[in-house]
Amino acid sequence: MPQHTPAPEQICPDCDGFPVVTITTGTRHPDGSRATLKATCPTCHGTGTTPAPRPAVTHV
């Protein structure tokens, strides 16, 4: 019997699958740890993937 396979998701072209990064600000907290900011990819909204492309529709 044939198996139905869901359409694969594609890796986001803007972040290459690394949707969240941590950036150091250069300052330190009183305990000595670094202050950081998290930045997410605006294209995929932090998922790392984009929806699979829709198949082309042909009209006969």
Protein backbone atom coordinates (compact mmCIF):
# COMPACT_ATOMS: atom_id res chain seq x y z
CA MET A 1 0.00 0.00 0.00
CA PRO A 2 1.26 3.47 -0.76
CA GLN A 3 2.25 5.64 2.16
CA HIS A 4 1.26 9.27 2.24
CA THR A 5 4.23 11.44 3.02
CA PRO A 6 3.75 15.02 4.19
CA ALA A 7 5.38 17.68 2.06
CA PRO A 8 8.87 18.41 3.35
CA GLU A 9 9.60 21.81 4.77
CA GLN A 10 12.49 23.76 3.35
CA ILE A 11 15.27 25.40 5.31
CA CYS A 12 14.81 29.15 5.55
CA PRO A 13 16.98 30.84 2.89
CA ASP A 14 17.69 33.87 5.09
CA CYS A 15 18.98 32.16 8.24
CA ASP A 16 20.05 28.78 6.78
CA GLY A 17 18.26 26.91 9.58
CA PHE A 18 19.78 28.90 12.46
CA PRO A 19 16.73 31.00 13.39
CA VAL A 20 17.76 32.29 16.83
CA VAL A 21 21.14 33.77 17.66
CA THR A 22 22.54 35.24 20.85
CA ILE A 23 24.53 38.45 20.61
CA THR A 24 26.77 39.71 23.38
CA THR A 25 26.40 43.39 24.21
CA GLY A 26 29.92 43.81 25.55
CA THR A 27 28.79 44.51 29.10
CA ARG A 28 28.83 42.20 32.09
CA HIS A 29 26.43 41.54 34.94
CA PRO A 30 27.62 42.03 38.54
CA ASP A 31 28.26 38.27 38.82
CA GLY A 32 30.65 38.38 35.83
CA SER A 33 28.40 36.79 33.23
CA ARG A 34 27.90 38.55 29.91
CA ALA A 35 24.78 40.47 29.01
CA THR A 36 23.23 39.03 25.83
CA LEU A 37 20.35 39.68 23.44
CA LYS A 38 18.43 37.10 21.41
CA ALA A 39 17.62 37.86 17.78
CA THR A 40 15.19 35.78 15.70
CA CYS A 41 14.98 35.55 11.93
CA PRO A 42 12.24 37.90 10.64
CA THR A 43 11.50 35.68 7.64
CA CYS A 44 10.72 32.39 9.41
CA HIS A 45 9.87 33.90 12.82
CA GLY A 46 12.32 31.65 14.64
CA THR A 47 11.28 28.28 13.18
CA GLY A 48 14.20 27.78 10.77
CA THR A 49 11.94 26.46 8.02
CA THR A 50 9.66 27.84 5.34
CA PRO A 51 6.56 26.14 3.93
CA ALA A 52 7.08 23.78 1.02
CA PRO A 53 6.40 25.42 -2.33
CA ARG A 54 3.00 24.79 -3.83
CA PRO A 55 2.93 22.69 -6.98
CA ALA A 56 2.45 24.62 -10.19
CA VAL A 57 -1.12 24.65 -11.43
CA THR A 58 -1.53 23.85 -15.09
CA HIS A 59 -4.73 24.66 -16.93
CA VAL A 60 -5.76 22.48 -19.80
